[in-house]
């Protein structure tokens, strides 16, 4: 098992900051983002997922919307992006 070097740590922190900024930009001060905001935030990060009802976007959202409210918080947004990476 190898330890992370300084460059890897720096890259990881930078990536997490980028995800947090994308979330905050679309959350407009709210603790959660809805499906439209999720799609916009993912697009701002360079992701273009299939938006069909049973496509990749909705399948992904269902996997991280544990309460089935059509909204997710920052922690789920970060986990979602780790799945996409």
N, C-alpha and C. Protein backbone atom coordinates (compact mmCIF):
# COMPACT_ATOMS: atom_id res chain seq x y z
N UNK A 1 0.84 -1.17 0.00
CA UNK A 1 0.00 0.00 0.00
C UNK A 1 0.89 1.24 0.00
N UNK A 2 0.67 2.13 -0.94
CA UNK A 2 1.51 3.32 -1.02
C UNK A 2 0.81 4.53 -0.41
N UNK A 3 1.58 5.42 0.11
CA UNK A 3 1.06 6.65 0.67
C UNK A 3 0.92 7.68 -0.45
N UNK A 4 0.00 8.58 -0.27
CA UNK A 4 -0.16 9.66 -1.23
C UNK A 4 1.01 10.62 -1.11
N UNK A 5 1.54 11.06 -2.25
CA UNK A 5 2.58 12.08 -2.16
C UNK A 5 1.93 13.47 -2.18
N UNK A 6 2.74 14.48 -1.98
CA UNK A 6 2.21 15.85 -1.89
C UNK A 6 1.44 16.26 -3.14
N UNK A 7 1.89 15.87 -4.31
CA UNK A 7 1.20 16.22 -5.55
C UNK A 7 -0.18 15.58 -5.60
N UNK A 8 -0.28 14.31 -5.22
CA UNK A 8 -1.56 13.63 -5.22
C UNK A 8 -2.53 14.25 -4.21
N UNK A 9 -2.01 14.62 -3.06
CA UNK A 9 -2.85 15.28 -2.05
C UNK A 9 -3.33 16.62 -2.58
N UNK A 10 -2.44 17.37 -3.16
CA UNK A 10 -2.79 18.68 -3.72
C UNK A 10 -3.85 18.55 -4.82
N UNK A 11 -3.69 17.56 -5.68
CA UNK A 11 -4.66 17.33 -6.76
C UNK A 11 -6.01 16.92 -6.19
N UNK A 12 -6.01 16.09 -5.16
CA UNK A 12 -7.26 15.66 -4.53
C UNK A 12 -7.98 16.82 -3.88
N UNK A 13 -7.24 17.64 -3.17
CA UNK A 13 -7.84 18.82 -2.52
C UNK A 13 -8.40 19.76 -3.58
N UNK A 14 -7.65 19.97 -4.63
CA UNK A 14 -8.10 20.85 -5.72
C UNK A 14 -9.38 20.32 -6.35
N UNK A 15 -9.44 19.02 -6.57
CA UNK A 15 -10.63 18.41 -7.16
C UNK A 15 -11.84 18.56 -6.24
N UNK A 16 -11.64 18.31 -4.96
CA UNK A 16 -12.74 18.48 -3.99
C UNK A 16 -13.22 19.93 -3.93
N UNK A 17 -12.30 20.87 -4.01
CA UNK A 17 -12.68 22.28 -4.02
C UNK A 17 -13.48 22.62 -5.27
N UNK A 18 -13.09 22.04 -6.40
CA UNK A 18 -13.82 22.25 -7.65
C UNK A 18 -15.24 21.71 -7.54
N UNK A 19 -15.40 20.55 -6.94
CA UNK A 19 -16.73 19.96 -6.76
C UNK A 19 -17.56 20.81 -5.81
N UNK A 20 -16.96 21.27 -4.73
CA UNK A 20 -17.66 22.10 -3.77
C UNK A 20 -18.10 23.42 -4.41
N UNK A 21 -17.26 24.01 -5.23
CA UNK A 21 -17.60 25.26 -5.91
C UNK A 21 -18.75 25.05 -6.89
N UNK A 22 -18.72 23.95 -7.65
CA UNK A 22 -19.80 23.66 -8.60
C UNK A 22 -21.12 23.47 -7.85
N UNK A 23 -21.07 22.76 -6.74
CA UNK A 23 -22.27 22.55 -5.94
C UNK A 23 -22.79 23.89 -5.41
N UNK A 24 -21.92 24.68 -4.81
CA UNK A 24 -22.32 25.96 -4.22
C UNK A 24 -22.89 26.91 -5.26
N UNK A 25 -22.29 26.92 -6.44
CA UNK A 25 -22.76 27.80 -7.51
C UNK A 25 -24.21 27.49 -7.89
N UNK A 26 -24.57 26.23 -7.86
CA UNK A 26 -25.91 25.83 -8.28
C UNK A 26 -26.89 25.69 -7.12
N UNK A 27 -26.38 25.62 -5.90
CA UNK A 27 -27.24 25.47 -4.73
C UNK A 27 -27.85 26.79 -4.28
N UNK A 28 -27.26 27.90 -4.67
CA UNK A 28 -27.77 29.23 -4.32
C UNK A 28 -28.03 29.36 -2.82
N UNK A 29 -27.07 28.89 -2.02
CA UNK A 29 -27.18 29.03 -0.57
C UNK A 29 -28.01 27.97 0.12
N UNK A 30 -28.57 27.06 -0.62
CA UNK A 30 -29.39 25.99 -0.03
C UNK A 30 -28.50 24.78 0.28
N UNK A 31 -28.92 23.92 1.22
CA UNK A 31 -28.09 22.76 1.57
C UNK A 31 -28.18 21.61 0.57
N UNK A 32 -29.16 21.64 -0.33
CA UNK A 32 -29.36 20.57 -1.31
C UNK A 32 -29.56 21.17 -2.69
N UNK A 33 -29.33 20.36 -3.71
CA UNK A 33 -29.63 20.77 -5.08
C UNK A 33 -30.60 19.77 -5.70
N UNK A 34 -31.48 20.29 -6.57
CA UNK A 34 -32.48 19.44 -7.22
C UNK A 34 -31.92 18.86 -8.53
N UNK A 35 -32.73 18.11 -9.22
CA UNK A 35 -32.27 17.43 -10.43
C UNK A 35 -31.75 18.38 -11.49
N UNK A 36 -32.44 19.50 -11.70
CA UNK A 36 -31.98 20.48 -12.70
C UNK A 36 -30.64 21.07 -12.28
N UNK A 37 -30.49 21.35 -11.01
CA UNK A 37 -29.24 21.91 -10.51
C UNK A 37 -28.11 20.88 -10.57
N UNK A 38 -28.44 19.63 -10.30
CA UNK A 38 -27.44 18.55 -10.40
C UNK A 38 -26.94 18.47 -11.84
N UNK A 39 -27.87 18.46 -12.78
CA UNK A 39 -27.49 18.37 -14.19
C UNK A 39 -26.62 19.55 -14.59
N UNK A 40 -26.99 20.76 -14.17
CA UNK A 40 -26.22 21.95 -14.50
C UNK A 40 -24.83 21.90 -13.86
N UNK A 41 -24.76 21.46 -12.62
CA UNK A 41 -23.47 21.36 -11.92
C UNK A 41 -22.57 20.32 -12.60
N UNK A 42 -23.15 19.19 -12.97
CA UNK A 42 -22.36 18.17 -13.67
C UNK A 42 -21.88 18.68 -15.02
N UNK A 43 -22.74 19.40 -15.72
CA UNK A 43 -22.36 19.96 -17.02
C UNK A 43 -21.21 20.97 -16.85
N UNK A 44 -21.25 21.75 -15.77
CA UNK A 44 -20.19 22.74 -15.53
C UNK A 44 -18.86 22.05 -15.25
N UNK A 45 -18.92 20.80 -14.84
CA UNK A 45 -17.71 20.01 -14.59
C UNK A 45 -17.29 19.19 -15.81
N UNK A 46 -18.05 19.33 -16.89
CA UNK A 46 -17.69 18.65 -18.14
C UNK A 46 -18.38 17.33 -18.39
N UNK A 47 -19.37 16.99 -17.59
CA UNK A 47 -20.10 15.73 -17.78
C UNK A 47 -21.35 15.97 -18.61
N UNK A 48 -21.58 15.10 -19.57
CA UNK A 48 -22.79 15.13 -20.38
C UNK A 48 -23.39 13.73 -20.35
N UNK A 49 -24.39 13.55 -19.51
CA UNK A 49 -24.99 12.23 -19.33
C UNK A 49 -26.30 12.12 -20.09
N UNK A 50 -26.67 10.91 -20.43
CA UNK A 50 -27.93 10.62 -21.11
C UNK A 50 -29.09 11.06 -20.22
N UNK A 51 -29.92 11.97 -20.73
CA UNK A 51 -31.02 12.54 -19.94
C UNK A 51 -32.35 11.83 -20.16
N UNK A 52 -32.35 10.72 -20.87
CA UNK A 52 -33.58 9.96 -21.07
C UNK A 52 -34.07 9.45 -19.71
N UNK A 53 -35.38 9.18 -19.57
CA UNK A 53 -35.92 8.74 -18.27
C UNK A 53 -35.17 7.57 -17.62
N UNK A 54 -34.69 6.66 -18.38
CA UNK A 54 -33.94 5.53 -17.82
C UNK A 54 -32.46 5.63 -18.17
N UNK A 55 -32.02 6.83 -18.53
CA UNK A 55 -30.64 7.04 -18.93
C UNK A 55 -29.69 7.16 -17.75
N UNK A 56 -28.44 7.41 -18.08
CA UNK A 56 -27.37 7.44 -17.08
C UNK A 56 -27.61 8.50 -16.00
N UNK A 57 -28.10 9.68 -16.37
CA UNK A 57 -28.28 10.75 -15.40
C UNK A 57 -29.27 10.34 -14.31
N UNK A 58 -30.45 9.90 -14.71
CA UNK A 58 -31.47 9.55 -13.71
C UNK A 58 -31.09 8.31 -12.92
N UNK A 59 -30.43 7.37 -13.55
CA UNK A 59 -29.95 6.18 -12.84
C UNK A 59 -28.94 6.59 -11.77
N UNK A 60 -28.02 7.48 -12.14
CA UNK A 60 -27.03 7.97 -11.20
C UNK A 60 -27.69 8.71 -10.04
N UNK A 61 -28.63 9.58 -10.37
CA UNK A 61 -29.31 10.35 -9.31
C UNK A 61 -30.07 9.43 -8.35
N UNK A 62 -30.72 8.42 -8.89
CA UNK A 62 -31.44 7.48 -8.01
C UNK A 62 -30.48 6.79 -7.05
N UNK A 63 -29.27 6.54 -7.51
CA UNK A 63 -28.27 5.85 -6.67
C UNK A 63 -27.81 6.70 -5.50
N UNK A 64 -27.93 8.02 -5.61
CA UNK A 64 -27.42 8.90 -4.57
C UNK A 64 -28.50 9.72 -3.87
N UNK A 65 -29.74 9.60 -4.31
CA UNK A 65 -30.86 10.28 -3.66
C UNK A 65 -31.53 9.28 -2.73
N UNK A 66 -30.94 9.10 -1.57
CA UNK A 66 -31.36 8.04 -0.65
C UNK A 66 -32.76 8.23 -0.09
N UNK A 67 -33.19 9.47 0.02
CA UNK A 67 -34.52 9.76 0.57
C UNK A 67 -35.57 9.90 -0.53
N UNK A 68 -35.17 9.76 -1.78
CA UNK A 68 -36.07 9.85 -2.94
C UNK A 68 -36.87 11.16 -2.95
N UNK A 69 -36.14 12.27 -2.75
CA UNK A 69 -36.77 13.58 -2.76
C UNK A 69 -36.46 14.36 -4.03
N UNK A 70 -35.60 13.81 -4.88
CA UNK A 70 -35.19 14.54 -6.07
C UNK A 70 -34.16 15.61 -5.75
N UNK A 71 -33.48 15.44 -4.62
CA UNK A 71 -32.47 16.39 -4.18
C UNK A 71 -31.33 15.65 -3.49
N UNK A 72 -30.13 16.23 -3.58
CA UNK A 72 -28.99 15.65 -2.88
C UNK A 72 -28.18 16.77 -2.22
N UNK A 73 -27.41 16.40 -1.20
CA UNK A 73 -26.52 17.33 -0.53
C UNK A 73 -25.11 17.24 -1.09
N UNK A 74 -24.24 18.06 -0.55
CA UNK A 74 -22.86 18.12 -1.02
C UNK A 74 -22.16 16.77 -0.91
N UNK A 75 -22.36 16.05 0.18
CA UNK A 75 -21.68 14.76 0.35
C UNK A 75 -22.07 13.78 -0.74
N UNK A 76 -23.35 13.73 -1.08
CA UNK A 76 -23.80 12.83 -2.15
C UNK A 76 -23.31 13.31 -3.51
N UNK A 77 -23.25 14.63 -3.70
CA UNK A 77 -22.75 15.18 -4.96
C UNK A 77 -21.29 14.81 -5.17
N UNK A 78 -20.50 14.89 -4.11
CA UNK A 78 -19.09 14.51 -4.20
C UNK A 78 -18.97 13.01 -4.50
N UNK A 79 -19.74 12.19 -3.80
CA UNK A 79 -19.71 10.74 -4.04
C UNK A 79 -20.14 10.42 -5.46
N UNK A 80 -21.15 11.13 -5.95
CA UNK A 80 -21.63 10.94 -7.33
C UNK A 80 -20.51 11.22 -8.32
N UNK A 81 -19.76 12.27 -8.09
CA UNK A 81 -18.68 12.63 -8.99
C UNK A 81 -17.54 11.65 -8.91
N UNK A 82 -17.30 11.08 -7.75
CA UNK A 82 -16.27 10.05 -7.63
C UNK A 82 -16.65 8.81 -8.43
N UNK A 83 -17.95 8.54 -8.48
CA UNK A 83 -18.44 7.41 -9.29
C UNK A 83 -18.21 7.67 -10.77
N UNK A 84 -18.35 8.93 -11.18
CA UNK A 84 -18.19 9.29 -12.59
C UNK A 84 -16.74 9.36 -13.02
N UNK A 85 -15.87 9.65 -12.08
CA UNK A 85 -14.46 9.86 -12.41
C UNK A 85 -13.78 8.61 -12.90
